[in-house]
Amino acid sequence: MRERILTFPGPASPGLTLAPQRRGPGDPCYQLDAERAIWRTSLQASGPVTARIYRTAPDTVGCRAWGDGADEFIEALPALLGVDDDPGGYRPRHPVIQAAVKRVPHLRLGRTARVLEALIPAVIEQRVPGADAFRAWRLLVTKFGSPAPGPAPARMRVPPAADVWRRIPSWEFHRANVDPGRARTIIGCAQRADALERLSGRPTTAARDALTTLPGVGVWTAAETAQRAFGDTDALSIGDYHISKMVGWTLIGTPVDDAGMVELLEPERPQRYRAIRLLEASRLAYKPRFGARLPVQHISNL
């Protein structure tokens, strides 16, 4: 077991920083315990790891890690929790985003540097309701992932390695309600895993652009990956129906499309993703609900 304590220059909020890493309440790679500590699993280059992340004081965060990947995970902990991020350097233009900063001035953006772990769930989430994507992720990781090392909570698993993703049969994707197009994209990304992991060492904009050269990976998927793996402060999720509508309702009181969202957030460049996270974390994000949710299309029943 490895342990590390990090002290921040102000209030620490690992829950806000790590929230985007969670793929639904049943995520087998991310759980909260009764003490609100965060349990997270990952497959590092050196092996699997289970980590428990918890606050020890208002400005201090502790982490205990188990498994062959523990040393690597502990070494990268400052980046994961956004220690080197500078939330105070952002001066938003829009008054609603300014109000969000006042509510959560301690919000930090972290990065995992684990590209495939961010990319595959983003592919699964393409063009489907969130609940369906979360279920697919849970089923696939539970079946094809590996046991979580250490005293991990029940049902936690380590995400599958690239070679495992490559070998998942088509019918297993079908059972998880992942259509053939997304399944092909996942396998194609897994086949390029080594090159993808090297992207974490490149400038964020260049790395994000490189992701869009992959078959089946568009601007939205690249942005969702860059936000989590690279800590890309400007990775705007263009193509997300809910995000664009939320931005419109929150900032000007009416829904907008992608073009309208880009126009509204242009003054916030190169911090557009940070602006989105501030709205979400501050709970100032607003989007009224109209009618029923989109039904889940169960291709596994076909």
Protein backbone atom coordinates (compact mmCIF):
# COMPACT_ATOMS: atom_id res chain seq x y z
CA MET A 1 0.00 0.00 0.00
CA ARG A 2 1.21 3.50 -0.87
CA GLU A 3 0.03 6.68 0.78
CA ARG A 4 0.37 10.38 0.01
CA ILE A 5 -0.94 13.64 1.45
CA LEU A 6 -1.39 16.73 -0.73
CA THR A 7 -1.78 20.27 0.60
CA PHE A 8 -3.55 22.81 -1.59
CA PRO A 9 -3.09 26.61 -1.58
CA GLY A 10 -6.75 26.94 -0.59
CA PRO A 11 -9.84 24.80 -0.04
CA ALA A 12 -9.62 21.35 -1.62
CA SER A 13 -12.59 19.70 -3.28
CA PRO A 14 -11.61 16.34 -4.77
CA GLY A 15 -15.26 15.46 -5.25
CA LEU A 16 -15.82 18.36 -7.65
CA THR A 17 -12.57 17.71 -9.50
CA LEU A 18 -13.17 14.00 -9.95
CA ALA A 19 -16.92 14.13 -10.63
CA PRO A 20 -16.53 14.02 -14.45
CA GLN A 21 -14.61 10.75 -14.11
CA ARG A 22 -17.67 8.96 -12.76
CA ARG A 23 -19.82 7.10 -15.29
CA GLY A 24 -23.09 6.91 -13.40
CA PRO A 25 -23.92 5.84 -9.83
CA GLY A 26 -23.10 2.19 -10.54
CA ASP A 27 -19.69 2.81 -12.09
CA PRO A 28 -17.52 -0.19 -11.14
CA CYS A 29 -14.44 2.05 -11.37
CA TYR A 30 -15.69 4.90 -9.15
CA GLN A 31 -17.60 4.59 -5.89
CA LEU A 32 -18.26 6.64 -2.75
CA ASP A 33 -18.19 5.08 0.69
CA ALA A 34 -20.15 5.97 3.81
CA GLU A 35 -17.54 8.57 4.74
CA ARG A 36 -17.84 10.21 1.29
CA ALA A 37 -14.33 9.08 0.38
CA ILE A 38 -13.81 8.35 -3.30
CA TRP A 39 -12.75 4.87 -4.39
CA ARG A 40 -11.30 4.74 -7.88
CA THR A 41 -9.72 2.00 -9.96
CA SER A 42 -7.48 2.42 -12.97
CA LEU A 43 -5.16 0.43 -15.18
CA GLN A 44 -1.84 2.24 -15.12
CA ALA A 45 1.06 1.41 -17.44
CA SER A 46 2.60 -0.44 -14.48
CA GLY A 47 -0.54 -2.39 -13.59
CA PRO A 48 -3.93 -2.17 -11.85
CA VAL A 49 -4.59 0.12 -8.92
CA THR A 50 -7.32 0.80 -6.39
CA ALA A 51 -7.21 4.19 -4.67
CA ARG A 52 -9.13 5.72 -1.80
CA ILE A 53 -9.12 9.53 -1.93
CA TYR A 54 -10.36 11.56 1.03
CA ARG A 55 -10.07 14.99 2.63
CA THR A 56 -8.10 15.17 5.86
CA ALA A 57 -8.54 18.94 6.36
CA PRO A 58 -10.19 21.77 4.38
CA ASP A 59 -7.02 22.24 2.34
CA THR A 60 -5.58 18.71 2.49
CA VAL A 61 -6.34 15.51 0.58
CA GLY A 62 -5.04 12.04 1.37
CA CYS A 63 -4.79 9.01 -0.87
CA ARG A 64 -4.07 5.34 -0.23
CA ALA A 65 -3.38 3.09 -3.20
CA TRP A 66 -3.04 -0.67 -3.65
CA GLY A 67 -1.85 -2.81 -6.53
CA ASP A 68 1.01 -2.95 -9.02
CA GLY A 69 0.04 0.48 -10.35
CA ALA A 70 0.03 2.16 -6.93
CA ASP A 71 3.40 3.91 -7.27
CA GLU A 72 2.49 5.33 -10.67
CA PHE A 73 -0.94 6.45 -9.48
CA ILE A 74 0.46 8.14 -6.37
CA GLU A 75 3.10 9.91 -8.48
CA ALA A 76 0.38 11.31 -10.77
CA LEU A 77 -1.99 12.24 -7.92
CA PRO A 78 -1.27 16.01 -8.06
CA ALA A 79 -2.25 16.12 -11.73
CA LEU A 80 -5.37 14.01 -11.11
CA LEU A 81 -6.55 16.39 -8.39
CA GLY A 82 -5.57 19.57 -10.24
CA VAL A 83 -2.89 20.76 -7.84
CA ASP A 84 -1.14 22.56 -10.69
CA ASP A 85 -4.38 24.00 -12.06
CA ASP A 86 -4.91 27.74 -11.57
CA PRO A 87 -8.61 28.43 -11.03
CA GLY A 88 -7.84 31.95 -9.86
CA GLY A 89 -6.32 32.82 -13.22
CA TYR A 90 -9.69 32.70 -14.96
CA ARG A 91 -11.65 35.94 -15.19
CA PRO A 92 -15.04 35.12 -16.74
CA ARG A 93 -16.83 37.70 -18.84
CA HIS A 94 -20.44 36.62 -18.37
CA PRO A 95 -22.08 37.65 -15.06
CA VAL A 96 -23.65 34.22 -14.48
CA ILE A 97 -20.27 32.53 -14.81
CA GLN A 98 -18.82 35.20 -12.51
CA ALA A 99 -21.46 34.24 -9.95
CA ALA A 100 -20.50 30.59 -10.40
CA VAL A 101 -16.87 31.40 -9.60
CA LYS A 102 -17.97 33.04 -6.35
CA ARG A 103 -19.84 29.88 -5.38
CA VAL A 104 -17.07 27.40 -6.19
CA PRO A 105 -13.80 29.38 -6.39
CA HIS A 106 -11.92 26.23 -5.40
CA LEU A 107 -13.03 24.15 -8.41
CA ARG A 108 -9.96 22.61 -10.04
CA LEU A 109 -9.66 20.67 -13.28
CA GLY A 110 -7.59 17.50 -13.09
CA ARG A 111 -6.23 15.08 -15.65
CA THR A 112 -5.72 11.32 -15.63
CA ALA A 113 -3.29 11.00 -18.59
CA ARG A 114 -5.03 7.64 -19.25
CA VAL A 115 -6.40 8.22 -22.73
CA LEU A 116 -8.09 4.90 -23.49
CA GLU A 117 -9.85 4.90 -20.11
CA ALA A 118 -11.43 8.24 -21.01
CA LEU A 119 -11.99 7.53 -24.70
CA ILE A 120 -13.85 4.20 -24.57
CA PRO A 121 -16.65 5.33 -22.23
CA ALA A 122 -17.00 8.49 -24.33
CA VAL A 123 -17.51 6.31 -27.41
CA ILE A 124 -20.09 4.25 -25.52
CA GLU A 125 -21.94 7.48 -24.68
CA GLN A 126 -22.23 8.58 -28.31
CA ARG A 127 -25.82 9.33 -29.39
CA VAL A 128 -27.53 7.43 -26.56
CA PRO A 129 -29.20 8.41 -23.26
CA GLY A 130 -26.81 8.58 -20.33
CA ALA A 131 -28.51 5.78 -18.41
CA ASP A 132 -28.07 3.42 -21.36
CA ALA A 133 -24.39 4.31 -21.71
CA PHE A 134 -23.74 3.93 -17.98
CA ARG A 135 -25.37 0.50 -18.03
CA ALA A 136 -23.26 -0.60 -21.00
CA TRP A 137 -20.06 0.58 -19.32
CA ARG A 138 -21.01 -1.21 -16.10
CA LEU A 139 -21.80 -4.48 -17.86
CA LEU A 140 -18.68 -4.53 -20.03
CA VAL A 141 -16.25 -3.53 -17.28
CA THR A 142 -17.80 -5.93 -14.79
CA LYS A 143 -17.51 -8.84 -17.21
CA PHE A 144 -14.19 -8.06 -18.91
CA GLY A 145 -12.34 -5.97 -16.33
CA SER A 146 -10.05 -7.43 -13.68
CA PRO A 147 -10.48 -7.66 -9.90
CA ALA A 148 -9.77 -4.47 -8.00
CA PRO A 149 -6.67 -4.88 -5.79
CA GLY A 150 -6.72 -4.06 -2.11
CA PRO A 151 -9.76 -3.57 0.13
CA ALA A 152 -11.97 -2.18 -2.64
CA PRO A 153 -15.74 -2.00 -2.15
CA ALA A 154 -17.77 -4.88 -3.52
CA ARG A 155 -18.35 -5.01 -7.28
CA MET A 156 -15.48 -2.67 -8.13
CA ARG A 157 -13.39 -3.67 -11.14
CA VAL A 158 -10.33 -2.40 -12.99
CA PRO A 159 -11.05 -1.31 -16.59
CA PRO A 160 -10.07 -3.84 -19.27
CA ALA A 161 -6.68 -3.58 -20.94
CA ALA A 162 -6.51 -2.64 -24.61
CA ASP A 163 -5.91 -6.22 -25.72
CA VAL A 164 -9.04 -7.29 -23.83
CA TRP A 165 -11.18 -4.61 -25.48
CA ARG A 166 -9.89 -5.79 -28.86
CA ARG A 167 -11.04 -9.35 -28.20
CA ILE A 168 -14.57 -8.69 -26.93
CA PRO A 169 -16.94 -10.57 -29.26
CA SER A 170 -19.57 -8.64 -31.20
CA TRP A 171 -22.41 -10.40 -29.36
CA GLU A 172 -21.13 -9.16 -26.00
CA PHE A 173 -21.32 -5.57 -27.23
CA HIS A 174 -24.81 -6.39 -28.52
CA ARG A 175 -25.87 -7.70 -25.11
CA ALA A 176 -24.64 -4.47 -23.55
CA ASN A 177 -26.75 -2.49 -26.05
CA VAL A 178 -23.70 -1.12 -27.88
CA ASP A 179 -24.43 -0.99 -31.62
CA PRO A 180 -21.93 -2.31 -34.21
CA GLY A 181 -20.72 1.18 -35.13
CA ARG A 182 -19.65 2.07 -31.60
CA ALA A 183 -18.24 -1.43 -31.09
CA ARG A 184 -16.03 -1.04 -34.17
CA THR A 185 -14.85 2.34 -32.91
CA ILE A 186 -13.95 0.89 -29.51
CA ILE A 187 -11.98 -1.96 -31.06
CA GLY A 188 -10.23 0.43 -33.46
CA CYS A 189 -9.22 2.72 -30.60
CA ALA A 190 -7.95 -0.24 -28.59
CA GLN A 191 -5.82 -1.31 -31.55
CA ARG A 192 -4.11 2.10 -31.42
CA ALA A 193 -3.77 2.21 -27.64
CA ASP A 194 -0.01 2.75 -27.46
CA ALA A 195 -0.13 5.74 -29.81
CA LEU A 196 -3.16 7.14 -28.00
CA GLU A 197 -1.47 7.06 -24.60
CA ARG A 198 1.41 9.10 -26.01
CA LEU A 199 -1.02 11.93 -26.76
CA SER A 200 -1.05 12.87 -23.07
CA GLY A 201 2.43 14.32 -23.56
CA ARG A 202 1.37 16.65 -26.37
CA PRO A 203 -0.22 20.13 -26.13
CA THR A 204 -3.91 19.73 -25.36
CA THR A 205 -5.25 21.28 -28.56
CA ALA A 206 -2.97 19.15 -30.73
CA ALA A 207 -3.87 16.03 -28.76
CA ARG A 208 -7.58 16.74 -29.10
CA ASP A 209 -7.25 17.30 -32.84
CA ALA A 210 -5.32 14.03 -33.16
CA LEU A 211 -8.19 12.14 -31.54
CA THR A 212 -10.58 13.29 -34.27
CA THR A 213 -8.47 11.49 -36.90
CA LEU A 214 -9.64 8.16 -35.45
CA PRO A 215 -12.53 6.52 -37.33
CA GLY A 216 -15.73 7.06 -35.37
CA VAL A 217 -14.27 9.76 -33.09
CA GLY A 218 -15.68 13.20 -33.71
CA VAL A 219 -15.39 16.59 -32.05
CA TRP A 220 -17.73 15.69 -29.19
CA THR A 221 -15.97 12.42 -28.30
CA ALA A 222 -12.54 14.05 -28.56
CA ALA A 223 -13.64 16.87 -26.25
CA GLU A 224 -15.10 14.50 -23.66
CA THR A 225 -11.83 12.55 -23.69
CA ALA A 226 -9.62 15.64 -23.55
CA GLN A 227 -11.52 17.04 -20.59
CA ARG A 228 -10.75 13.98 -18.50
CA ALA A 229 -7.42 12.68 -19.79
CA PHE A 230 -5.69 15.98 -20.58
CA GLY A 231 -7.42 18.46 -18.27
CA ASP A 232 -8.17 20.51 -21.38
CA THR A 233 -9.70 23.77 -20.12
CA ASP A 234 -11.16 24.69 -23.52
CA ALA A 235 -12.53 21.32 -24.69
CA LEU A 236 -16.11 22.26 -25.49
CA SER A 237 -18.53 19.37 -26.06
CA ILE A 238 -19.96 20.51 -29.38
CA GLY A 239 -22.67 18.13 -30.52
CA ASP A 240 -24.18 17.60 -27.08
CA TYR A 241 -27.88 18.48 -27.20
CA HIS A 242 -28.12 18.91 -23.45
CA ILE A 243 -25.03 21.08 -23.00
CA SER A 244 -25.95 23.60 -25.68
CA LYS A 245 -29.50 23.93 -24.36
CA MET A 246 -28.22 24.29 -20.80
CA VAL A 247 -25.79 27.04 -21.79
CA GLY A 248 -28.55 28.95 -23.57
CA TRP A 249 -31.06 28.68 -20.75
CA THR A 250 -28.47 29.53 -18.10
CA LEU A 251 -26.79 32.49 -19.79
CA ILE A 252 -29.61 34.14 -21.77
CA GLY A 253 -32.81 32.42 -20.66
CA THR A 254 -33.56 30.63 -23.92
CA PRO A 255 -32.28 27.44 -25.57
CA VAL A 256 -29.60 27.62 -28.26
CA ASP A 257 -28.00 25.15 -30.66
CA ASP A 258 -24.30 24.37 -30.99
CA ALA A 259 -23.60 27.50 -33.02
CA GLY A 260 -25.35 29.62 -30.42
CA MET A 261 -23.40 27.99 -27.61
CA VAL A 262 -20.10 28.57 -29.39
CA GLU A 263 -21.02 32.23 -29.87
CA LEU A 264 -22.06 32.69 -26.24
CA LEU A 265 -18.87 31.09 -24.90
CA GLU A 266 -16.44 32.68 -27.35
CA PRO A 267 -15.49 35.41 -24.81
CA GLU A 268 -14.52 32.65 -22.35
CA ARG A 269 -11.95 31.06 -24.66
CA PRO A 270 -9.55 29.32 -23.78
CA GLN A 271 -11.52 28.36 -20.66
CA ARG A 272 -14.82 27.23 -22.18
CA TYR A 273 -14.83 23.82 -20.53
CA ARG A 274 -13.96 25.40 -17.20
CA ALA A 275 -16.94 27.71 -17.68
CA ILE A 276 -19.21 24.69 -18.21
CA ARG A 277 -17.87 22.92 -15.11
CA LEU A 278 -18.32 26.07 -13.04
CA LEU A 279 -21.96 26.30 -14.06
CA GLU A 280 -22.50 22.62 -13.24
CA ALA A 281 -20.58 22.55 -9.96
CA SER A 282 -22.16 25.79 -8.70
CA ARG A 283 -25.63 24.43 -9.54
CA LEU A 284 -26.39 27.56 -11.51
CA ALA A 285 -26.75 25.45 -14.66
CA TYR A 286 -30.40 25.46 -15.68
CA LYS A 287 -32.41 23.62 -18.29
CA PRO A 288 -36.16 23.05 -17.90
CA ARG A 289 -37.54 19.63 -18.65
CA PHE A 290 -40.17 19.28 -21.32
CA GLY A 291 -41.96 15.95 -21.74
CA ALA A 292 -40.63 12.46 -21.23
CA ARG A 293 -37.02 11.38 -21.56
CA LEU A 294 -35.89 9.71 -24.75
CA PRO A 295 -36.64 5.97 -24.59
CA VAL A 296 -33.72 3.56 -24.55
CA GLN A 297 -33.51 1.52 -27.75
CA HIS A 298 -32.76 -2.04 -26.64
CA ILE A 299 -30.85 -3.48 -29.59
CA SER A 300 -29.97 -6.46 -27.38
CA ASN A 301 -33.59 -7.61 -27.78
CA LEU A 302 -33.34 -7.70 -31.56
